[in-house]
PDB file of N, CA and C in Angstrom:
ATOM      1  N   MET A   1      36.618 -50.903  32.942  1.00  0.00           N
ATOM      2  CA  MET A   1      36.281 -51.868  34.101  1.00  0.00           C
ATOM      3  C   MET A   1      34.852 -51.258  34.701  1.00  0.00           C
ATOM      4  N   ILE A   2      33.817 -52.137  34.646  1.00  0.00           N
ATOM      5  CA  ILE A   2      32.643 -51.709  35.100  1.00  0.00           C
ATOM      6  C   ILE A   2      32.304 -52.463  36.624  1.00  0.00           C
ATOM      7  N   MET A   3      32.058 -52.144  37.966  1.00  0.00           N
ATOM      8  CA  MET A   3      31.626 -53.170  38.518  1.00  0.00           C
ATOM      9  C   MET A   3      30.183 -52.722  38.891  1.00  0.00           C
ATOM     10  N   VAL A   4      29.679 -54.259  39.426  1.00  0.00           N
ATOM     11  CA  VAL A   4      28.294 -53.662  39.857  1.00  0.00           C
ATOM     12  C   VAL A   4      27.993 -54.619  40.938  1.00  0.00           C
ATOM     13  N   GLN A   5      27.595 -54.074  41.956  1.00  0.00           N
ATOM     14  CA  GLN A   5      27.162 -54.235  43.205  1.00  0.00           C
ATOM     15  C   GLN A   5      25.457 -54.221  43.638  1.00  0.00           C
ATOM     16  N   SER A   6      25.323 -55.774  43.702  1.00  0.00           N
ATOM     17  CA  SER A   6      23.575 -55.868  44.206  1.00  0.00           C
ATOM     18  C   SER A   6      23.677 -56.476  45.697  1.00  0.00           C
ATOM     19  N   THR A   7      22.627 -55.576  46.145  1.00  0.00           N
ATOM     20  CA  THR A   7      22.216 -56.383  47.474  1.00  0.00           C
ATOM     21  C   THR A   7      20.596 -56.998  47.761  1.00  0.00           C
ATOM     22  N   PHE A   8      20.250 -58.289  48.126  1.00  0.00           N
ATOM     23  CA  PHE A   8      19.197 -59.041  48.071  1.00  0.00           C
ATOM     24  C   PHE A   8      19.297 -59.786  49.623  1.00  0.00           C
ATOM     25  N   PHE A   9      18.008 -59.605  49.892  1.00  0.00           N
ATOM     26  CA  PHE A   9      17.526 -59.634  51.327  1.00  0.00           C
ATOM     27  C   PHE A   9      16.300 -61.276  50.632  1.00  0.00           C
ATOM     28  N   LEU A  10      16.837 -62.244  51.136  1.00  0.00           N
ATOM     29  CA  LEU A  10      16.139 -63.676  51.184  1.00  0.00           C
ATOM     30  C   LEU A  10      15.444 -63.895  51.907  1.00  0.00           C
ATOM     31  N   VAL A  11      14.160 -64.613  51.638  1.00  0.00           N
ATOM     32  CA  VAL A  11      12.999 -64.973  52.461  1.00  0.00           C
ATOM     33  C   VAL A  11      13.873 -65.909  53.167  1.00  0.00           C
ATOM     34  N   HIS A  12      13.603 -66.222  54.667  1.00  0.00           N
ATOM     35  CA  HIS A  12      14.551 -67.135  55.389  1.00  0.00           C
ATOM     36  C   HIS A  12      14.415 -68.779  54.702  1.00  0.00           C
ATOM     37  N   ASP A  13      12.975 -69.123  54.385  1.00  0.00           N
ATOM     38  CA  ASP A  13      12.525 -70.345  54.373  1.00  0.00           C
ATOM     39  C   ASP A  13      13.082 -70.984  53.031  1.00  0.00           C
ATOM     40  N   THR A  14      13.290 -70.241  52.084  1.00  0.00           N
ATOM     41  CA  THR A  14      13.574 -70.308  51.016  1.00  0.00           C
ATOM     42  C   THR A  14      15.346 -70.010  50.577  1.00  0.00           C
ATOM     43  N   LYS A  15      15.878 -69.602  51.767  1.00  0.00           N
ATOM     44  CA  LYS A  15      17.382 -69.259  51.440  1.00  0.00           C
ATOM     45  C   LYS A  15      18.036 -70.353  50.618  1.00  0.00           C
ATOM     46  N   ASP A  16      18.189 -71.257  51.214  1.00  0.00           N
ATOM     47  CA  ASP A  16      19.114 -72.302  50.165  1.00  0.00           C
ATOM     48  C   ASP A  16      18.426 -72.495  49.038  1.00  0.00           C
ATOM     49  N   GLU A  17      17.517 -72.471  48.824  1.00  0.00           N
ATOM     50  CA  GLU A  17      17.227 -72.583  47.066  1.00  0.00           C
ATOM     51  C   GLU A  17      17.673 -71.541  46.320  1.00  0.00           C
ATOM     52  N   ALA A  18      17.662 -70.213  47.251  1.00  0.00           N
ATOM     53  CA  ALA A  18      17.958 -69.015  46.728  1.00  0.00           C
ATOM     54  C   ALA A  18      19.454 -69.192  46.312  1.00  0.00           C
ATOM     55  N   LEU A  19      20.359 -69.501  47.139  1.00  0.00           N
ATOM     56  CA  LEU A  19      21.565 -69.987  46.845  1.00  0.00           C
ATOM     57  C   LEU A  19      22.191 -70.825  45.826  1.00  0.00           C
ATOM     58  N   ASP A  20      21.504 -71.750  46.119  1.00  0.00           N
ATOM     59  CA  ASP A  20      21.949 -73.076  44.758  1.00  0.00           C
ATOM     60  C   ASP A  20      21.340 -71.838  43.668  1.00  0.00           C
ATOM     61  N   LEU A  21      20.908 -71.183  43.619  1.00  0.00           N
ATOM     62  CA  LEU A  21      19.939 -70.571  42.097  1.00  0.00           C
ATOM     63  C   LEU A  21      21.265 -69.464  41.987  1.00  0.00           C
ATOM     64  N   MET A  22      21.532 -68.883  42.818  1.00  0.00           N
ATOM     65  CA  MET A  22      23.063 -67.932  42.691  1.00  0.00           C
ATOM     66  C   MET A  22      24.226 -68.638  42.345  1.00  0.00           C
ATOM     67  N   LYS A  23      24.557 -70.055  43.164  1.00  0.00           N
ATOM     68  CA  LYS A  23      25.952 -70.357  42.534  1.00  0.00           C
ATOM     69  C   LYS A  23      25.684 -70.895  41.090  1.00  0.00           C
ATOM     70  N   THR A  24      24.634 -71.100  40.793  1.00  0.00           N
ATOM     71  CA  THR A  24      24.042 -71.804  39.245  1.00  0.00           C
ATOM     72  C   THR A  24      24.877 -70.530  38.440  1.00  0.00           C
ATOM     73  N   MET A  25      24.296 -68.931  39.007  1.00  0.00           N
ATOM     74  CA  MET A  25      24.655 -68.371  38.412  1.00  0.00           C
ATOM     75  C   MET A  25      25.985 -67.691  38.029  1.00  0.00           C
ATOM     76  N   VAL A  26      26.644 -68.089  39.205  1.00  0.00           N
ATOM     77  CA  VAL A  26      28.192 -67.793  39.298  1.00  0.00           C
ATOM     78  C   VAL A  26      28.676 -68.090  38.343  1.00  0.00           C
ATOM     79  N   GLY A  27      28.901 -69.737  38.075  1.00  0.00           N
ATOM     80  CA  GLY A  27      29.257 -70.764  37.178  1.00  0.00           C
ATOM     81  C   GLY A  27      28.902 -70.250  35.620  1.00  0.00           C
ATOM     82  N   GLN A  28      27.613 -69.806  35.347  1.00  0.00           N
ATOM     83  CA  GLN A  28      27.261 -69.602  34.111  1.00  0.00           C
ATOM     84  C   GLN A  28      28.117 -68.124  33.734  1.00  0.00           C
ATOM     85  N   SER A  29      27.892 -67.157  34.502  1.00  0.00           N
ATOM     86  CA  SER A  29      28.529 -66.291  34.358  1.00  0.00           C
ATOM     87  C   SER A  29      29.815 -65.666  34.129  1.00  0.00           C
ATOM     88  N   ARG A  30      30.472 -66.934  35.033  1.00  0.00           N
ATOM     89  CA  ARG A  30      32.097 -66.570  34.818  1.00  0.00           C
ATOM     90  C   ARG A  30      32.558 -66.973  33.524  1.00  0.00           C
ATOM     91  N   ARG A  31      32.039 -67.852  33.185  1.00  0.00           N
ATOM     92  CA  ARG A  31      32.415 -68.049  31.596  1.00  0.00           C
ATOM     93  C   ARG A  31      31.853 -66.974  30.453  1.00  0.00           C
ATOM     94  N   GLU A  32      31.060 -66.218  30.703  1.00  0.00           N
ATOM     95  CA  GLU A  32      30.971 -65.254  29.825  1.00  0.00           C
ATOM     96  C   GLU A  32      32.126 -64.452  29.101  1.00  0.00           C
ATOM     97  N   ASN A  33      32.054 -64.100  27.978  1.00  0.00           N
ATOM     98  CA  ASN A  33      33.290 -62.839  27.603  1.00  0.00           C
ATOM     99  C   ASN A  33      33.409 -61.670  28.704  1.00  0.00           C
ATOM    100  N   GLY A  34      34.264 -61.068  28.934  1.00  0.00           N
ATOM    101  CA  GLY A  34      34.571 -59.614  29.903  1.00  0.00           C
ATOM    102  C   GLY A  34      34.029 -59.778  30.811  1.00  0.00           C
ATOM    103  N   CYS A  35      33.976 -61.274  31.330  1.00  0.00           N
ATOM    104  CA  CYS A  35      33.315 -61.408  33.260  1.00  0.00           C
ATOM    105  C   CYS A  35      34.828 -61.198  33.459  1.00  0.00           C
ATOM    106  N   VAL A  36      35.110 -60.304  34.687  1.00  0.00           N
ATOM    107  CA  VAL A  36      36.727 -60.495  35.661  1.00  0.00           C
ATOM    108  C   VAL A  36      36.636 -61.526  36.367  1.00  0.00           C
ATOM    109  N   SER A  37      35.340 -61.153  37.172  1.00  0.00           N
ATOM    110  CA  SER A  37      34.997 -61.645  38.955  1.00  0.00           C
ATOM    111  C   SER A  37      33.171 -61.524  38.353  1.00  0.00           C
ATOM    112  N   TYR A  38      32.894 -62.612  39.398  1.00  0.00           N
ATOM    113  CA  TYR A  38      31.173 -62.939  39.874  1.00  0.00           C
ATOM    114  C   TYR A  38      31.375 -63.313  41.215  1.00  0.00           C
ATOM    115  N   GLU A  39      30.753 -62.777  42.072  1.00  0.00           N
ATOM    116  CA  GLU A  39      30.741 -63.849  43.321  1.00  0.00           C
ATOM    117  C   GLU A  39      29.769 -63.150  44.260  1.00  0.00           C
ATOM    118  N   TYR A  40      28.839 -63.934  44.990  1.00  0.00           N
ATOM    119  CA  TYR A  40      28.173 -63.551  46.070  1.00  0.00           C
ATOM    120  C   TYR A  40      28.882 -63.787  47.204  1.00  0.00           C
ATOM    121  N   PHE A  41      28.306 -62.601  48.429  1.00  0.00           N
ATOM    122  CA  PHE A  41      28.790 -62.411  49.698  1.00  0.00           C
ATOM    123  C   PHE A  41      27.632 -62.766  50.832  1.00  0.00           C
ATOM    124  N   ALA A  42      27.921 -63.442  51.647  1.00  0.00           N
ATOM    125  CA  ALA A  42      26.594 -63.218  53.058  1.00  0.00           C
ATOM    126  C   ALA A  42      27.014 -62.271  53.887  1.00  0.00           C
ATOM    127  N   GLY A  43      25.668 -61.904  54.344  1.00  0.00           N
ATOM    128  CA  GLY A  43      25.909 -60.456  55.269  1.00  0.00           C
ATOM    129  C   GLY A  43      26.518 -61.359  56.592  1.00  0.00           C
ATOM    130  N   ILE A  44      27.764 -60.515  57.623  1.00  0.00           N
ATOM    131  CA  ILE A  44      27.471 -61.104  58.555  1.00  0.00           C
ATOM    132  C   ILE A  44      26.190 -60.610  59.583  1.00  0.00           C
ATOM    133  N   THR A  45      25.898 -58.986  59.725  1.00  0.00           N
ATOM    134  CA  THR A  45      25.067 -58.518  60.566  1.00  0.00           C
ATOM    135  C   THR A  45      23.367 -59.029  60.155  1.00  0.00           C
ATOM    136  N   GLU A  46      23.531 -59.431  58.881  1.00  0.00           N
ATOM    137  CA  GLU A  46      21.800 -59.612  58.299  1.00  0.00           C
ATOM    138  C   GLU A  46      21.968 -60.909  57.973  1.00  0.00           C
ATOM    139  N   ALA A  47      21.892 -62.182  58.564  1.00  0.00           N
ATOM    140  CA  ALA A  47      21.709 -63.245  58.222  1.00  0.00           C
ATOM    141  C   ALA A  47      20.991 -63.743  56.677  1.00  0.00           C
ATOM    142  N   ASN A  48      19.892 -63.009  56.202  1.00  0.00           N
ATOM    143  CA  ASN A  48      19.475 -63.326  54.982  1.00  0.00           C
ATOM    144  C   ASN A  48      20.082 -62.097  53.548  1.00  0.00           C
ATOM    145  N   GLN A  49      20.987 -61.570  54.182  1.00  0.00           N
ATOM    146  CA  GLN A  49      21.309 -60.559  53.222  1.00  0.00           C
ATOM    147  C   GLN A  49      22.297 -61.235  52.306  1.00  0.00           C
ATOM    148  N   VAL A  50      22.237 -61.147  50.838  1.00  0.00           N
ATOM    149  CA  VAL A  50      23.474 -61.749  50.095  1.00  0.00           C
ATOM    150  C   VAL A  50      23.858 -60.483  49.187  1.00  0.00           C
ATOM    151  N   VAL A  51      24.875 -60.072  49.215  1.00  0.00           N
ATOM    152  CA  VAL A  51      25.798 -59.321  48.276  1.00  0.00           C
ATOM    153  C   VAL A  51      26.138 -59.824  47.037  1.00  0.00           C
ATOM    154  N   LEU A  52      25.768 -59.422  46.103  1.00  0.00           N
ATOM    155  CA  LEU A  52      26.752 -59.835  44.516  1.00  0.00           C
ATOM    156  C   LEU A  52      27.616 -58.835  44.137  1.00  0.00           C
ATOM    157  N   LEU A  53      29.204 -59.104  44.220  1.00  0.00           N
ATOM    158  CA  LEU A  53      29.864 -58.138  43.451  1.00  0.00           C
ATOM    159  C   LEU A  53      30.559 -58.860  41.791  1.00  0.00           C
ATOM    160  N   GLN A  54      30.436 -58.284  40.938  1.00  0.00           N
ATOM    161  CA  GLN A  54      30.508 -58.509  39.587  1.00  0.00           C
ATOM    162  C   GLN A  54      31.575 -57.557  38.903  1.00  0.00           C
ATOM    163  N   GLU A  55      32.629 -57.959  38.421  1.00  0.00           N
ATOM    164  CA  GLU A  55      33.195 -56.875  37.555  1.00  0.00           C
ATOM    165  C   GLU A  55      33.531 -57.465  35.866  1.00  0.00           C
ATOM    166  N   TRP A  56      33.517 -56.402  35.253  1.00  0.00           N
ATOM    167  CA  TRP A  56      33.246 -56.744  33.782  1.00  0.00           C
ATOM    168  C   TRP A  56      34.179 -55.743  33.148  1.00  0.00           C
ATOM    169  N   THR A  57      35.209 -56.318  31.602  1.00  0.00           N
ATOM    170  CA  THR A  57      35.896 -55.565  31.321  1.00  0.00           C
ATOM    171  C   THR A  57      35.448 -53.914  30.354  1.00  0.00           C
ATOM    172  N   ASP A  58      34.237 -54.078  30.226  1.00  0.00           N
ATOM    173  CA  ASP A  58      33.501 -52.899  29.321  1.00  0.00           C
ATOM    174  C   ASP A  58      32.033 -53.155  29.524  1.00  0.00           C
ATOM    175  N   ALA A  59      31.568 -52.047  29.090  1.00  0.00           N
ATOM    176  CA  ALA A  59      29.951 -51.676  29.510  1.00  0.00           C
ATOM    177  C   ALA A  59      29.473 -52.864  28.188  1.00  0.00           C
ATOM    178  N   ASP A  60      29.507 -53.375  26.764  1.00  0.00           N
ATOM    179  CA  ASP A  60      29.167 -54.117  26.326  1.00  0.00           C
ATOM    180  C   ASP A  60      29.274 -55.400  26.804  1.00  0.00           C
ATOM    181  N   SER A  61      30.280 -55.661  27.151  1.00  0.00           N
ATOM    182  CA  SER A  61      30.427 -57.140  27.821  1.00  0.00           C
ATOM    183  C   SER A  61      28.996 -57.101  29.100  1.00  0.00           C
ATOM    184  N   LEU A  62      28.814 -56.184  29.986  1.00  0.00           N
ATOM    185  CA  LEU A  62      28.042 -56.232  31.030  1.00  0.00           C
ATOM    186  C   LEU A  62      26.484 -56.367  30.203  1.00  0.00           C
ATOM    187  N   GLN A  63      26.236 -55.576  29.163  1.00  0.00           N
ATOM    188  CA  GLN A  63      24.897 -55.538  28.310  1.00  0.00           C
ATOM    189  C   GLN A  63      24.655 -56.852  27.986  1.00  0.00           C
ATOM    190  N   GLY A  64      25.639 -57.537  27.494  1.00  0.00           N
ATOM    191  CA  GLY A  64      25.483 -58.989  26.985  1.00  0.00           C
ATOM    192  C   GLY A  64      25.205 -59.820  27.890  1.00  0.00           C
ATOM    193  N   HIS A  65      25.742 -59.488  29.548  1.00  0.00           N
ATOM    194  CA  HIS A  65      25.694 -60.805  30.316  1.00  0.00           C
ATOM    195  C   HIS A  65      23.844 -60.388  30.808  1.00  0.00           C
ATOM    196  N   TYR A  66      23.039 -58.919  30.723  1.00  0.00           N
ATOM    197  CA  TYR A  66      22.058 -58.557  31.151  1.00  0.00           C
ATOM    198  C   TYR A  66      20.922 -59.235  29.811  1.00  0.00           C
ATOM    199  N   GLN A  67      21.509 -59.328  28.615  1.00  0.00           N
ATOM    200  CA  GLN A  67      20.412 -60.134  27.898  1.00  0.00           C
ATOM    201  C   GLN A  67      20.742 -61.686  27.586  1.00  0.00           C
ATOM    202  N   SER A  68      21.538 -62.465  28.340  1.00  0.00           N
ATOM    203  CA  SER A  68      21.780 -63.759  28.320  1.00  0.00           C
ATOM    204  C   SER A  68      20.458 -64.216  28.597  1.00  0.00           C
ATOM    205  N   ALA A  69      20.679 -65.572  28.085  1.00  0.00           N
ATOM    206  CA  ALA A  69      19.273 -66.640  28.334  1.00  0.00           C
ATOM    207  C   ALA A  69      19.370 -66.736  29.906  1.00  0.00           C
ATOM    208  N   HIS A  70      20.858 -67.270  30.340  1.00  0.00           N
ATOM    209  CA  HIS A  70      20.814 -67.544  31.900  1.00  0.00           C
ATOM    210  C   HIS A  70      20.405 -66.350  32.895  1.00  0.00           C
ATOM    211  N   MET A  71      20.599 -65.051  32.439  1.00  0.00           N
ATOM    212  CA  MET A  71      19.977 -63.950  33.232  1.00  0.00           C
ATOM    213  C   MET A  71      18.562 -63.613  33.272  1.00  0.00           C
ATOM    214  N   GLU A  72      17.902 -64.306  31.972  1.00  0.00           N
ATOM    215  CA  GLU A  72      16.501 -64.409  31.943  1.00  0.00           C
ATOM    216  C   GLU A  72      15.929 -65.740  32.779  1.00  0.00           C
ATOM    217  N   GLU A  73      16.780 -66.561  32.336  1.00  0.00           N
ATOM    218  CA  GLU A  73      16.162 -67.786  33.667  1.00  0.00           C
ATOM    219  C   GLU A  73      16.095 -67.495  35.274  1.00  0.00           C
ATOM    220  N   PHE A  74      17.246 -66.451  35.488  1.00  0.00           N
ATOM    221  CA  PHE A  74      17.773 -66.559  36.800  1.00  0.00           C
ATOM    222  C   PHE A  74      16.611 -65.578  37.671  1.00  0.00           C
ATOM    223  N   LEU A  75      16.398 -64.194  36.774  1.00  0.00           N
ATOM    224  CA  LEU A  75      15.427 -63.223  36.824  1.00  0.00           C
ATOM    225  C   LEU A  75      13.927 -63.929  37.090  1.00  0.00           C
ATOM    226  N   GLY A  76      13.518 -64.686  36.152  1.00  0.00           N
ATOM    227  CA  GLY A  76      12.359 -65.260  36.126  1.00  0.00           C
ATOM    228  C   GLY A  76      12.218 -66.391  37.375  1.00  0.00           C
ATOM    229  N   LYS A  77      13.318 -66.602  38.267  1.00  0.00           N
ATOM    230  CA  LYS A  77      13.134 -67.760  39.490  1.00  0.00           C
ATOM    231  C   LYS A  77      13.342 -66.945  40.479  1.00  0.00           C
ATOM    232  N   LEU A  78      14.217 -65.686  40.452  1.00  0.00           N
ATOM    233  CA  LEU A  78      14.668 -64.912  41.626  1.00  0.00           C
ATOM    234  C   LEU A  78      13.416 -64.308  42.652  1.00  0.00           C
ATOM    235  N   GLY A  79      12.301 -63.973  42.041  1.00  0.00           N
ATOM    236  CA  GLY A  79      11.357 -63.405  42.809  1.00  0.00           C
ATOM    237  C   GLY A  79      10.832 -64.110  43.831  1.00  0.00           C
ATOM    238  N   LEU A  80      10.737 -65.429  43.491  1.00  0.00           N
ATOM    239  CA  LEU A  80       9.960 -66.491  44.466  1.00  0.00           C
ATOM    240  C   LEU A  80      11.151 -66.177  45.780  1.00  0.00           C
ATOM    241  N   TYR A  81      12.459 -65.880  45.924  1.00  0.00           N
ATOM    242  CA  TYR A  81      13.202 -66.006  47.051  1.00  0.00           C
ATOM    243  C   TYR A  81      13.513 -64.837  47.624  1.00  0.00           C
ATOM    244  N   LEU A  82      12.891 -63.558  47.075  1.00  0.00           N
ATOM    245  CA  LEU A  82      13.206 -62.416  47.933  1.00  0.00           C
ATOM    246  C   LEU A  82      12.402 -61.709  49.057  1.00  0.00           C
ATOM    247  N   GLU A  83      12.900 -61.093  50.233  1.00  0.00           N
ATOM    248  CA  GLU A  83      12.131 -60.546  50.613  1.00  0.00           C
ATOM    249  C   GLU A  83      11.781 -58.976  50.455  1.00  0.00           C
ATOM    250  N   SER A  84      12.598 -58.712  49.498  1.00  0.00           N
ATOM    251  CA  SER A  84      12.260 -57.364  49.336  1.00  0.00           C
ATOM    252  C   SER A  84      13.016 -56.822  48.097  1.00  0.00           C
ATOM    253  N   GLU A  85      12.993 -55.734  47.442  1.00  0.00           N
ATOM    254  CA  GLU A  85      13.140 -55.330  46.195  1.00  0.00           C
ATOM    255  C   GLU A  85      14.963 -55.517  46.081  1.00  0.00           C
ATOM    256  N   VAL A  86      15.656 -55.726  44.853  1.00  0.00           N
ATOM    257  CA  VAL A  86      17.185 -55.921  44.942  1.00  0.00           C
ATOM    258  C   VAL A  86      17.559 -54.253  44.692  1.00  0.00           C
ATOM    259  N   VAL A  87      18.415 -54.112  45.476  1.00  0.00           N
ATOM    260  CA  VAL A  87      19.084 -52.507  45.186  1.00  0.00           C
ATOM    261  C   VAL A  87      20.632 -52.897  44.648  1.00  0.00           C
ATOM    262  N   THR A  88      20.795 -52.015  43.348  1.00  0.00           N
ATOM    263  CA  THR A  88      22.058 -52.292  42.535  1.00  0.00           C
ATOM    264  C   THR A  88      22.510 -50.917  42.338  1.00  0.00           C
ATOM    265  N   ARG A  89      23.749 -51.165  42.099  1.00  0.00           N
ATOM    266  CA  ARG A  89      24.806 -49.827  42.283  1.00  0.00           C
ATOM    267  C   ARG A  89      25.708 -50.274  41.306  1.00  0.00           C
ATOM    268  N   THR A  90      25.825 -49.552  39.988  1.00  0.00           N
ATOM    269  CA  THR A  90      27.190 -49.601  39.068  1.00  0.00           C
ATOM    270  C   THR A  90      28.146 -48.678  38.945  1.00  0.00           C
ATOM    271  N   TYR A  91      29.551 -48.880  39.216  1.00  0.00           N
ATOM    272  CA  TYR A  91      30.453 -48.179  39.191  1.00  0.00           C
ATOM    273  C   TYR A  91      31.394 -48.501  37.810  1.00  0.00           C
ATOM    274  N   ALA A  92      31.865 -47.014  37.146  1.00  0.00           N
ATOM    275  CA  ALA A  92      32.839 -47.500  35.994  1.00  0.00           C
ATOM    276  C   ALA A  92      33.789 -46.572  36.267  1.00  0.00           C
ATOM    277  N   SER A  93      34.891 -47.420  35.823  1.00  0.00           N
ATOM    278  CA  SER A  93      36.442 -46.430  36.231  1.00  0.00           C
ATOM    279  C   SER A  93      36.178 -45.512  35.163  1.00  0.00           C
ATOM    280  N   PRO A  94      37.641 -44.751  35.544  1.00  0.00           N
ATOM    281  CA  PRO A  94      37.403 -43.270  34.696  1.00  0.00           C
ATOM    282  C   PRO A  94      37.985 -43.678  33.089  1.00  0.00           C
ATOM    283  N   ASP A  95      38.293 -44.651  32.945  1.00  0.00           N
ATOM    284  CA  ASP A  95      39.168 -45.250  31.575  1.00  0.00           C
ATOM    285  C   ASP A  95      37.802 -45.509  30.613  1.00  0.00           C
ATOM    286  N   GLU A  96      36.687 -45.509  31.220  1.00  0.00           N
ATOM    287  CA  GLU A  96      35.369 -46.200  30.524  1.00  0.00           C
ATOM    288  C   GLU A  96      34.955 -44.895  29.726  1.00  0.00           C
ATOM    289  N   PRO A  97      34.414 -45.121  28.667  1.00  0.00           N
ATOM    290  CA  PRO A  97      33.775 -44.346  27.942  1.00  0.00           C
ATOM    291  C   PRO A  97      32.759 -43.659  28.414  1.00  0.00           C
ATOM    292  N   ILE A  98      31.709 -44.260  29.024  1.00  0.00           N
ATOM    293  CA  ILE A  98      30.569 -43.657  29.536  1.00  0.00           C
ATOM    294  C   ILE A  98      31.220 -42.717  30.860  1.00  0.00           C
ATOM    295  N   ALA A  99      31.957 -43.253  31.617  1.00  0.00           N
ATOM    296  CA  ALA A  99      32.618 -42.255  32.875  1.00  0.00           C
ATOM    297  C   ALA A  99      33.304 -41.209  32.034  1.00  0.00           C
ATOM    298  N   GLN A 100      34.184 -41.248  30.842  1.00  0.00           N
ATOM    299  CA  GLN A 100      34.652 -40.182  30.150  1.00  0.00           C
ATOM    300  C   GLN A 100      33.798 -38.955  29.942  1.00  0.00           C
ATOM    301  N   ARG A 101      32.599 -39.645  29.070  1.00  0.00           N
ATOM    302  CA  ARG A 101      31.248 -38.482  28.713  1.00  0.00           C
ATOM    303  C   ARG A 101      30.910 -38.058  30.029  1.00  0.00           C
ATOM    304  N   ALA A 102      30.567 -38.673  30.813  1.00  0.00           N
ATOM    305  CA  ALA A 102      29.973 -37.811  32.384  1.00  0.00           C
ATOM    306  C   ALA A 102      31.322 -36.841  32.554  1.00  0.00           C
ATOM    307  N   ASP A 103      32.838 -37.237  33.024  1.00  0.00           N
ATOM    308  CA  ASP A 103      33.745 -36.088  33.371  1.00  0.00           C
ATOM    309  C   ASP A 103      33.775 -34.683  32.135  1.00  0.00           C
ATOM    310  N   ALA A 104      33.442 -35.276  30.859  1.00  0.00           N
ATOM    311  CA  ALA A 104      33.836 -34.253  29.742  1.00  0.00           C
ATOM    312  C   ALA A 104      32.289 -33.229  30.307  1.00  0.00           C
ATOM    313  N   ARG A 105      31.216 -33.774  30.082  1.00  0.00           N
ATOM    314  CA  ARG A 105      29.767 -33.173  30.524  1.00  0.00           C
ATOM    315  C   ARG A 105      29.890 -32.176  31.831  1.00  0.00           C
ATOM    316  N   ASP A 106      30.489 -32.719  32.612  1.00  0.00           N
ATOM    317  CA  ASP A 106      30.669 -32.063  34.312  1.00  0.00           C
ATOM    318  C   ASP A 106      31.588 -30.740  34.068  1.00  0.00           C
ATOM    319  N   LYS A 107      32.504 -31.038  33.124  1.00  0.00           N
ATOM    320  CA  LYS A 107      33.769 -30.100  33.065  1.00  0.00           C
ATOM    321  C   LYS A 107      32.969 -29.039  31.787  1.00  0.00           C
ATOM    322  N   ALA A 108      32.314 -29.424  31.153  1.00  0.00           N
ATOM    323  CA  ALA A 108      31.695 -28.351  30.303  1.00  0.00           C
ATOM    324  C   ALA A 108      30.648 -27.543  31.347  1.00  0.00           C
ATOM    325  N   GLU A 109      29.718 -28.129  31.922  1.00  0.00           N
ATOM    326  CA  GLU A 109      28.936 -27.504  32.747  1.00  0.00           C
ATOM    327  C   GLU A 109      29.605 -26.432  34.041  1.00  0.00           C
ATOM    328  N   THR A 110      30.942 -26.611  34.455  1.00  0.00           N
ATOM    329  CA  THR A 110      31.343 -26.119  35.433  1.00  0.00           C
ATOM    330  C   THR A 110      31.982 -24.824  34.542  1.00  0.00           C
ATOM    331  N   GLU A 111      32.930 -25.055  33.271  1.00  0.00           N
ATOM    332  CA  GLU A 111      33.506 -23.797  32.276  1.00  0.00           C
ATOM    333  C   GLU A 111      31.957 -23.224  31.792  1.00  0.00           C
ATOM    334  N   ARG A 112      31.276 -23.143  31.840  1.00  0.00           N
ATOM    335  CA  ARG A 112      29.596 -22.769  31.149  1.00  0.00           C
ATOM    336  C   ARG A 112      29.579 -21.610  32.541  1.00  0.00           C
ATOM    337  N   ARG A 113      29.615 -22.035  33.650  1.00  0.00           N
ATOM    338  CA  ARG A 113      28.861 -21.719  34.837  1.00  0.00           C
ATOM    339  C   ARG A 113      30.218 -20.513  35.159  1.00  0.00           C
ATOM    340  N   THR A 114      31.284 -20.521  35.275  1.00  0.00           N
ATOM    341  CA  THR A 114      32.438 -19.688  35.602  1.00  0.00           C
ATOM    342  C   THR A 114      32.881 -18.940  34.588  1.00  0.00           C
ATOM    343  N   GLN A 115      32.284 -18.843  33.316  1.00  0.00           N
ATOM    344  CA  GLN A 115      32.954 -17.712  32.440  1.00  0.00           C
ATOM    345  C   GLN A 115      32.103 -16.563  32.631  1.00  0.00           C
ATOM    346  N   PRO A 116      32.880 -15.363  32.096  1.00  0.00           N
ATOM    347  CA  PRO A 116      32.074 -14.124  32.609  1.00  0.00           C
ATOM    348  C   PRO A 116      30.863 -14.150  31.397  1.00  0.00           C
ATOM    349  N   LYS A 117      29.635 -13.845  31.247  1.00  0.00           N
ATOM    350  CA  LYS A 117      29.010 -13.094  30.929  1.00  0.00           C
ATOM    351  C   LYS A 117      29.461 -12.332  29.907  1.00  0.00           C
ATOM    352  N   ALA A 118      29.096 -12.320  28.646  1.00  0.00           N
ATOM    353  CA  ALA A 118      28.986 -11.243  27.481  1.00  0.00           C
ATOM    354  C   ALA A 118      27.926 -10.256  27.698  1.00  0.00           C
ATOM    355  N   PRO A 119      28.676  -8.821  27.667  1.00  0.00           N
ATOM    356  CA  PRO A 119      27.864  -7.614  27.613  1.00  0.00           C
ATOM    357  C   PRO A 119      26.429  -7.840  26.795  1.00  0.00           C
ATOM    358  N   GLN A 120      25.339  -7.265  27.534  1.00  0.00           N
ATOM    359  CA  GLN A 120      24.294  -7.521  26.771  1.00  0.00           C
ATOM    360  C   GLN A 120      24.118  -6.158  26.116  1.00  0.00           C
ATOM    361  N   THR A 121      23.825  -6.215  24.950  1.00  0.00           N
ATOM    362  CA  THR A 121      23.431  -4.249  24.128  1.00  0.00           C
ATOM    363  C   THR A 121      22.269  -4.749  24.016  1.00  0.00           C
ATOM    364  N   ILE A 122      21.720  -3.167  24.287  1.00  0.00           N
ATOM    365  CA  ILE A 122      20.036  -3.082  24.447  1.00  0.00           C
ATOM    366  C   ILE A 122      19.878  -1.938  23.037  1.00  0.00           C
ATOM    367  N   HIS A 123      18.997  -2.598  21.968  1.00  0.00           N
ATOM    368  CA  HIS A 123      18.840  -1.813  21.203  1.00  0.00           C
ATOM    369  C   HIS A 123      17.693  -1.078  21.148  1.00  0.00           C
TER     370      HIS A 123
END
């Protein structure tokens, strides 16, 4: 399972247009293979903040989403409504191959650092 969190700060004057664009994106994205959930949430303390939470069954499904025609169209229009850069974080569950590789790499690095060094022979 992969979860993506993106935070948007919208220009106040065009916020309603941005929300319409986001609503369209929700409908299109939820129909994609591998989409578990896809929803935007309004900020409480920041009136123009919107957070997107999306869940995907696997990395391939997420990559397919990123390469979809509706994502390309969305990104082509989104810049008109942004006050600042979008901040995105991606989280993978431990059973994801990407997470497993990272865990294995971290374990190998820890083992390398804690193994006693072989004595050196000087010739």
